[in-house]
Amino acid sequence: MSKIAFLSFYSGIADRGVETFVYEITKRLAKKHVVTIFQAGQLIKNREIRTYQIKAFAAQPKSSKGILGKIYLDWQSLKILIFTLKSVPKILSGKFDVVIPLNGGWQVVLCRLITKISRSKMLISGHAGIGSDDAWNIFFRPDVFVALTNQENAWVKRIAPEMKTTVISNGVDLSIFNPEVKPKKMNLKDPIVVCCAALVPYKRVDLTIKAVAKTQMSLLVIGDGQERGNIDSLGKRLLKERYQRIVVPYQQMPSYYKAGKVFTLASKTEAFGIVYVEAMACNLPVVTTSDKSRHEIIGDAGILTNPEDSQKYARDLEIAAKTNYRNSPYNQALKFSWNKTAEKYSDLIKALSSN
């Protein structure tokens, strides 16, 4: 049994991929380990998991911008730095075997110092994906880097051949997300395209709106964020009554997925994209950006496209909505399970703790 600390600033504030990962993985790891989550948001009500709320100007996540964002000195990054500094005494006194920072930037620097002082281990789970943020994480040499796809793992090996890595994908709770879920009745004309995303620039929800506007389909956007005003304005202008945006609790998500005929997310990059697997578990085909990581995740359960070509994107959405994929999306989702993911993390943490 190992003592594990997760640092997740936005847990209890947002329900993005990282926060879903923390929620799903910790409740399973807690069966074999002592798990503590340090977070800025509302505490999780789970007796098996210890949670500490560290108050540090908690707010919905925003994309970092400009030079300050690139060197983690923008206000968003500084809030996470303050949060981490406030967490240091409890982490040191907690005598954890493994520390898992999930917010990057200066949090990783502090956690590396903490683990050197306490002789514990630092594990990085590659939720930032291929790019500068995870390159920064790798620079501070975690004891192990967990890549979410084989493509990400190959990238890490190219830039840090000596780095100890392993591949553990994210998952889905198949007892909640499955084809048997009853669809939510929506006040939208069928067929409905579902898009679940944080409303930040790199998710490119505007490209989805422009593509759906070239079809006769409706668009249901599930999510919130700094771009909500621009997204709602564009959606209502181009789609009128065929557009709706909502925010719903995580546990209610399956019925909203099932309201759709096809799922889409046109983000420029994704480390994994848990929403893809959740949608496929509800047996929805996926139309998304073409790259090797997403091909690895989606397989034959949808269409990889170029969202910047609105005509092609629109056509692929129509094709996916009209194609009978039978159970291909659900069968693809069966490859991903939080239970399997947690078991792999448990084995990895045991190995790290014993070294």
Protein backbone atom coordinates (compact mmCIF):
# COMPACT_ATOMS: atom_id res chain seq x y z
CA MET A 1 0.00 0.00 0.00
CA SER A 2 1.43 3.35 -1.08
CA LYS A 3 0.64 6.91 -0.03
CA ILE A 4 -0.22 8.99 -3.11
CA ALA A 5 -0.74 12.75 -3.44
CA PHE A 6 -2.55 14.24 -6.44
CA LEU A 7 -2.29 17.99 -7.02
CA SER A 8 -5.28 19.06 -9.10
CA PHE A 9 -6.00 22.78 -8.85
CA TYR A 10 -9.25 22.69 -10.87
CA SER A 11 -10.85 19.63 -9.21
CA GLY A 12 -14.15 20.77 -7.75
CA ILE A 13 -14.20 23.73 -10.17
CA ALA A 14 -14.21 22.23 -13.67
CA ASP A 15 -15.10 18.88 -15.24
CA ARG A 16 -12.49 18.69 -17.99
CA GLY A 17 -10.40 15.65 -18.90
CA VAL A 18 -7.85 16.12 -16.11
CA GLU A 19 -10.52 16.51 -13.43
CA THR A 20 -12.42 13.48 -14.75
CA PHE A 21 -9.17 11.51 -14.64
CA VAL A 22 -8.57 12.51 -11.00
CA TYR A 23 -12.12 11.63 -9.97
CA GLU A 24 -12.19 8.26 -11.72
CA ILE A 25 -8.67 7.11 -10.94
CA THR A 26 -8.50 8.09 -7.28
CA LYS A 27 -11.72 6.37 -6.25
CA ARG A 28 -10.30 3.14 -7.69
CA LEU A 29 -6.74 3.55 -6.37
CA ALA A 30 -8.18 4.20 -2.89
CA LYS A 31 -9.15 0.52 -2.69
CA LYS A 32 -5.47 -0.46 -2.48
CA HIS A 33 -3.65 2.75 -1.52
CA VAL A 34 -3.95 5.81 0.70
CA VAL A 35 -4.88 8.62 -1.68
CA THR A 36 -5.02 12.37 -0.99
CA ILE A 37 -6.17 15.04 -3.45
CA PHE A 38 -5.05 18.64 -3.03
CA GLN A 39 -7.48 20.89 -4.90
CA ALA A 40 -8.72 24.47 -5.00
CA GLY A 41 -12.37 23.61 -5.56
CA GLN A 42 -15.15 22.02 -3.55
CA LEU A 43 -14.19 18.84 -1.72
CA ILE A 44 -15.14 15.37 -2.95
CA LYS A 45 -17.51 13.52 -0.62
CA ASN A 46 -15.78 10.16 -0.47
CA ARG A 47 -14.67 8.63 2.82
CA GLU A 48 -12.00 6.52 1.13
CA ILE A 49 -10.23 9.54 -0.38
CA ARG A 50 -8.72 12.33 1.70
CA THR A 51 -9.16 15.75 0.13
CA TYR A 52 -7.70 19.10 1.11
CA GLN A 53 -9.08 22.33 -0.25
CA ILE A 54 -6.29 24.84 -0.70
CA LYS A 55 -7.85 28.27 -1.29
CA ALA A 56 -5.99 30.10 -4.05
CA PHE A 57 -8.22 32.37 -6.17
CA ALA A 58 -10.16 29.45 -7.64
CA ALA A 59 -11.85 30.16 -10.98
CA GLN A 60 -12.75 28.42 -14.24
CA PRO A 61 -9.67 27.59 -16.36
CA LYS A 62 -8.53 29.95 -19.11
CA SER A 63 -5.98 29.55 -21.86
CA SER A 64 -2.68 31.21 -21.04
CA LYS A 65 -1.72 33.91 -23.53
CA GLY A 66 1.34 35.87 -24.60
CA ILE A 67 4.93 35.76 -23.41
CA LEU A 68 3.94 35.59 -19.74
CA GLY A 69 1.83 32.51 -20.43
CA LYS A 70 4.73 30.77 -22.16
CA ILE A 71 6.98 31.24 -19.13
CA TYR A 72 4.16 30.50 -16.65
CA LEU A 73 4.01 34.01 -15.19
CA ASP A 74 0.47 34.87 -16.32
CA TRP A 75 -2.20 35.18 -13.60
CA GLN A 76 -3.57 31.71 -14.31
CA SER A 77 -0.14 30.10 -13.76
CA LEU A 78 0.56 32.25 -10.70
CA LYS A 79 -2.67 31.09 -9.06
CA ILE A 80 -1.51 27.50 -9.50
CA LEU A 81 1.92 28.46 -8.09
CA ILE A 82 0.28 30.00 -4.98
CA PHE A 83 -1.91 26.90 -4.62
CA THR A 84 1.14 24.63 -4.80
CA LEU A 85 3.16 26.72 -2.34
CA LYS A 86 0.28 26.47 0.14
CA SER A 87 0.21 22.70 -0.38
CA VAL A 88 3.94 22.18 0.33
CA PRO A 89 3.75 21.87 4.15
CA LYS A 90 0.99 19.24 4.00
CA ILE A 91 2.78 17.29 1.28
CA LEU A 92 6.03 17.25 3.24
CA SER A 93 4.32 16.30 6.49
CA GLY A 94 2.23 13.66 4.73
CA LYS A 95 5.30 11.58 3.83
CA PHE A 96 3.89 10.49 0.49
CA ASP A 97 5.52 7.77 -1.58
CA VAL A 98 4.39 9.23 -4.90
CA VAL A 99 3.45 12.81 -5.82
CA ILE A 100 1.45 13.43 -9.01
CA PRO A 101 1.25 17.09 -10.12
CA LEU A 102 -1.37 17.66 -12.81
CA ASN A 103 -1.21 21.39 -13.52
CA GLY A 104 2.26 21.79 -15.00
CA GLY A 105 4.25 25.01 -14.92
CA TRP A 106 5.86 25.92 -11.59
CA GLN A 107 3.87 23.20 -9.85
CA VAL A 108 6.16 20.61 -11.42
CA VAL A 109 9.26 22.53 -10.31
CA LEU A 110 8.07 22.67 -6.70
CA CYS A 111 7.00 19.03 -6.69
CA ARG A 112 10.39 17.99 -8.04
CA LEU A 113 12.05 19.86 -5.16
CA ILE A 114 9.63 18.33 -2.66
CA THR A 115 10.28 14.80 -3.86
CA LYS A 116 14.04 15.34 -3.75
CA ILE A 117 13.80 16.55 -0.14
CA SER A 118 11.40 13.80 0.96
CA ARG A 119 13.00 11.10 -1.23
CA SER A 120 9.63 10.30 -2.71
CA LYS A 121 8.81 9.79 -6.40
CA MET A 122 7.24 12.15 -8.93
CA LEU A 123 4.94 10.74 -11.60
CA ILE A 124 3.81 12.86 -14.55
CA SER A 125 0.69 11.84 -16.45
CA GLY A 126 0.90 13.41 -19.90
CA HIS A 127 -2.41 15.26 -19.99
CA ALA A 128 -0.88 18.30 -21.66
CA GLY A 129 -0.05 16.23 -24.73
CA ILE A 130 2.65 16.62 -27.35
CA GLY A 131 4.03 20.16 -27.10
CA SER A 132 5.78 22.71 -24.93
CA ASP A 133 3.85 22.08 -21.69
CA ASP A 134 4.76 18.41 -21.45
CA ALA A 135 8.27 19.21 -22.75
CA TRP A 136 8.58 21.45 -19.66
CA ASN A 137 7.36 18.58 -17.46
CA ILE A 138 9.90 16.23 -19.00
CA PHE A 139 12.72 18.76 -18.51
CA PHE A 140 12.35 18.37 -14.73
CA ARG A 141 12.88 14.63 -15.01
CA PRO A 142 9.97 12.88 -13.30
CA ASP A 143 10.73 9.38 -12.06
CA VAL A 144 8.29 8.13 -14.67
CA PHE A 145 6.29 9.77 -17.45
CA VAL A 146 2.95 8.18 -18.33
CA ALA A 147 2.07 8.77 -21.98
CA LEU A 148 -1.62 8.51 -22.84
CA THR A 149 -1.02 7.19 -26.37
CA ASN A 150 1.74 5.36 -28.22
CA GLN A 151 2.23 8.46 -30.36
CA GLU A 152 2.90 10.58 -27.28
CA ASN A 153 5.28 7.96 -25.93
CA ALA A 154 7.27 7.96 -29.18
CA TRP A 155 7.51 11.77 -28.97
CA VAL A 156 8.87 11.61 -25.40
CA LYS A 157 11.46 9.05 -26.46
CA ARG A 158 12.62 11.34 -29.26
CA ILE A 159 13.23 14.34 -27.01
CA ALA A 160 14.34 12.46 -23.86
CA PRO A 161 15.59 8.98 -24.77
CA GLU A 162 16.73 8.32 -21.21
CA MET A 163 13.30 9.04 -19.71
CA LYS A 164 11.49 6.15 -18.06
CA THR A 165 8.09 5.99 -19.74
CA THR A 166 5.04 3.80 -20.00
CA VAL A 167 1.75 4.02 -21.91
CA ILE A 168 -1.50 4.05 -19.95
CA SER A 169 -4.57 5.39 -21.73
CA ASN A 170 -7.43 7.20 -20.07
CA GLY A 171 -10.72 5.36 -19.84
CA VAL A 172 -14.48 5.39 -19.48
CA ASP A 173 -16.90 4.06 -16.88
CA LEU A 174 -18.86 1.58 -18.98
CA SER A 175 -21.45 1.12 -16.25
CA ILE A 176 -22.49 4.77 -16.78
CA PHE A 177 -21.65 5.39 -20.44
CA ASN A 178 -23.20 2.68 -22.63
CA PRO A 179 -25.69 2.18 -25.51
CA GLU A 180 -28.53 1.33 -23.12
CA VAL A 181 -28.73 4.86 -21.72
CA LYS A 182 -32.03 6.59 -22.43
CA PRO A 183 -31.59 9.67 -24.68
CA LYS A 184 -32.37 13.10 -23.27
CA LYS A 185 -35.26 14.79 -25.05
CA MET A 186 -33.90 17.95 -26.66
CA ASN A 187 -35.69 20.88 -28.23
CA LEU A 188 -33.54 20.58 -31.36
CA LYS A 189 -34.25 19.33 -34.85
CA ASP A 190 -32.79 15.89 -35.64
CA PRO A 191 -30.17 14.80 -36.48
CA ILE A 192 -28.15 16.36 -33.66
CA VAL A 193 -24.38 16.80 -33.63
CA VAL A 194 -23.00 16.71 -30.07
CA CYS A 195 -19.84 18.62 -29.14
CA CYS A 196 -18.53 18.44 -25.57
CA ALA A 197 -15.67 20.84 -24.88
CA ALA A 198 -14.24 23.50 -22.63
CA LEU A 199 -14.90 26.77 -24.45
CA VAL A 200 -11.29 27.79 -24.94
CA PRO A 201 -9.62 28.75 -28.25
CA TYR A 202 -7.73 25.54 -29.00
CA LYS A 203 -10.92 23.45 -28.86
CA ARG A 204 -12.03 25.33 -32.02
CA VAL A 205 -15.77 25.02 -31.38
CA ASP A 206 -16.20 27.90 -33.83
CA LEU A 207 -15.07 25.58 -36.65
CA THR A 208 -17.74 23.08 -35.63
CA ILE A 209 -20.45 25.75 -35.72
CA LYS A 210 -19.36 26.89 -39.19
CA ALA A 211 -19.37 23.31 -40.50
CA VAL A 212 -22.78 22.40 -39.02
CA ALA A 213 -24.16 25.62 -40.55
CA LYS A 214 -23.45 24.09 -43.98
CA THR A 215 -25.73 21.15 -43.16
CA GLN A 216 -29.34 20.73 -42.05
CA MET A 217 -28.26 19.26 -38.71
CA SER A 218 -28.52 20.81 -35.25
CA LEU A 219 -25.66 21.36 -32.81
CA LEU A 220 -25.68 20.69 -29.07
CA VAL A 221 -22.62 22.15 -27.33
CA ILE A 222 -21.95 20.89 -23.81
CA GLY A 223 -19.46 23.01 -21.93
CA ASP A 224 -18.43 26.38 -20.59
CA GLY A 225 -15.37 28.62 -20.58
CA GLN A 226 -13.85 31.95 -21.47
CA GLU A 227 -15.12 31.85 -25.07
CA ARG A 228 -18.78 31.30 -24.15
CA GLY A 229 -19.87 34.76 -25.36
CA ASN A 230 -18.23 34.43 -28.77
CA ILE A 231 -19.38 30.83 -29.21
CA ASP A 232 -23.01 31.56 -28.29
CA SER A 233 -23.07 34.62 -30.52
CA LEU A 234 -21.71 32.68 -33.50
CA GLY A 235 -23.96 29.68 -32.87
CA LYS A 236 -27.15 31.73 -32.64
CA ARG A 237 -26.21 33.81 -35.67
CA LEU A 238 -25.36 30.91 -37.99
CA LEU A 239 -27.61 28.16 -36.66
CA LYS A 240 -30.45 30.08 -35.00
CA GLU A 241 -32.90 27.55 -33.49
CA ARG A 242 -30.57 24.69 -34.48
CA TYR A 243 -28.08 25.73 -31.79
CA GLN A 244 -28.13 25.05 -28.07
CA ARG A 245 -25.41 25.18 -25.40
CA ILE A 246 -25.79 23.66 -21.95
CA VAL A 247 -23.74 22.82 -18.87
CA VAL A 248 -24.63 19.57 -17.12
CA PRO A 249 -23.15 17.54 -14.24
CA TYR A 250 -20.76 14.75 -15.22
CA GLN A 251 -23.13 11.98 -14.08
CA GLN A 252 -25.86 13.24 -16.45
CA MET A 253 -23.62 13.36 -19.52
CA PRO A 254 -24.54 9.94 -21.02
CA SER A 255 -28.16 10.84 -21.78
CA TYR A 256 -27.03 14.01 -23.59
CA TYR A 257 -24.53 12.06 -25.68
CA LYS A 258 -27.35 9.68 -26.59
CA ALA A 259 -29.46 12.59 -27.82
CA GLY A 260 -27.06 12.93 -30.74
CA LYS A 261 -26.44 11.08 -33.95
CA VAL A 262 -22.74 11.91 -34.15
CA PHE A 263 -20.11 13.34 -31.81
CA THR A 264 -17.46 15.85 -32.82
CA LEU A 265 -14.56 17.79 -31.32
CA ALA A 266 -12.37 19.84 -33.65
CA SER A 267 -9.58 20.70 -31.20
CA LYS A 268 -6.18 21.38 -32.68
CA THR A 269 -4.48 18.93 -30.33
CA GLU A 270 -5.56 16.46 -27.66
CA ALA A 271 -3.40 14.44 -25.30
CA PHE A 272 -6.21 11.88 -25.28
CA GLY A 273 -9.73 13.29 -25.25
CA ILE A 274 -11.84 11.37 -22.73
CA VAL A 275 -15.00 12.74 -24.37
CA TYR A 276 -14.24 10.68 -27.49
CA VAL A 277 -14.33 7.45 -25.51
CA GLU A 278 -17.42 8.52 -23.55
CA ALA A 279 -19.26 9.25 -26.81
CA MET A 280 -18.16 5.95 -28.39
CA ALA A 281 -19.26 4.09 -25.25
CA CYS A 282 -22.74 5.51 -25.95
CA ASN A 283 -22.29 4.11 -29.50
CA LEU A 284 -21.89 7.48 -31.25
CA PRO A 285 -19.50 7.69 -34.21
CA VAL A 286 -16.85 10.40 -33.88
CA VAL A 287 -15.75 13.03 -36.39
CA THR A 288 -12.54 14.72 -35.30
CA THR A 289 -9.19 16.16 -36.31
CA SER A 290 -6.90 13.79 -38.20
CA ASP A 291 -3.70 12.89 -36.38
CA LYS A 292 -1.97 9.68 -35.26
CA SER A 293 -3.04 9.90 -31.62
CA ARG A 294 -6.72 10.27 -32.47
CA HIS A 295 -6.52 7.50 -35.06
CA GLU A 296 -5.19 5.31 -32.25
CA ILE A 297 -8.21 6.20 -30.08
CA ILE A 298 -11.03 6.35 -32.66
CA GLY A 299 -10.00 3.50 -34.94
CA ASP A 300 -12.84 2.65 -37.35
CA ALA A 301 -15.51 4.21 -35.14
CA GLY A 302 -15.74 7.47 -37.05
CA ILE A 303 -14.05 9.82 -39.51
CA LEU A 304 -10.80 11.76 -39.16
CA THR A 305 -11.10 15.03 -41.01
CA ASN A 306 -9.63 18.51 -41.49
CA PRO A 307 -11.87 20.88 -39.50
CA GLU A 308 -10.22 23.90 -41.13
CA ASP A 309 -11.86 22.84 -44.42
CA SER A 310 -15.46 23.61 -43.47
CA GLN A 311 -16.91 21.96 -46.60
CA LYS A 312 -15.08 18.70 -45.94
CA TYR A 313 -15.85 18.85 -42.23
CA ALA A 314 -19.56 19.41 -42.96
CA ARG A 315 -19.63 16.56 -45.47
CA ASP A 316 -17.93 14.18 -43.04
CA LEU A 317 -20.42 15.05 -40.30
CA GLU A 318 -23.27 14.23 -42.70
CA ILE A 319 -21.64 10.96 -43.78
CA ALA A 320 -21.07 9.87 -40.17
CA ALA A 321 -24.66 10.72 -39.23
CA LYS A 322 -26.04 8.65 -42.14
CA THR A 323 -23.68 5.66 -41.83
CA ASN A 324 -24.75 2.59 -39.88
CA TYR A 325 -21.71 1.89 -37.71
CA ARG A 326 -23.61 -0.87 -35.92
CA ASN A 327 -21.72 -1.38 -32.65
CA SER A 328 -18.29 -0.26 -33.89
CA PRO A 329 -18.10 2.82 -31.62
CA TYR A 330 -19.09 0.84 -28.52
CA ASN A 331 -16.70 -1.99 -29.37
CA GLN A 332 -13.89 0.55 -29.74
CA ALA A 333 -14.75 2.05 -26.36
CA LEU A 334 -14.47 -1.39 -24.75
CA LYS A 335 -10.70 -1.11 -25.23
CA PHE A 336 -10.67 1.71 -22.68
CA SER A 337 -11.76 1.19 -19.08
CA TRP A 338 -11.05 3.16 -15.91
CA ASN A 339 -10.80 -0.15 -14.05
CA LYS A 340 -7.97 -1.33 -16.33
CA THR A 341 -6.35 2.11 -16.24
CA ALA A 342 -6.41 2.22 -12.42
CA GLU A 343 -4.94 -1.27 -12.19
CA LYS A 344 -2.02 -0.26 -14.40
CA TYR A 345 -1.41 2.88 -12.33
CA SER A 346 -1.59 0.81 -9.16
CA ASP A 347 1.05 -1.61 -10.42
CA LEU A 348 3.26 1.26 -11.60
CA ILE A 349 2.99 3.07 -8.25
CA LYS A 350 3.81 -0.11 -6.35
CA ALA A 351 6.94 -0.54 -8.46
CA LEU A 352 7.95 3.11 -7.97
CA SER A 353 7.41 2.96 -4.20
CA SER A 354 9.55 -0.15 -3.83
CA ASN A 355 12.57 1.36 -5.62
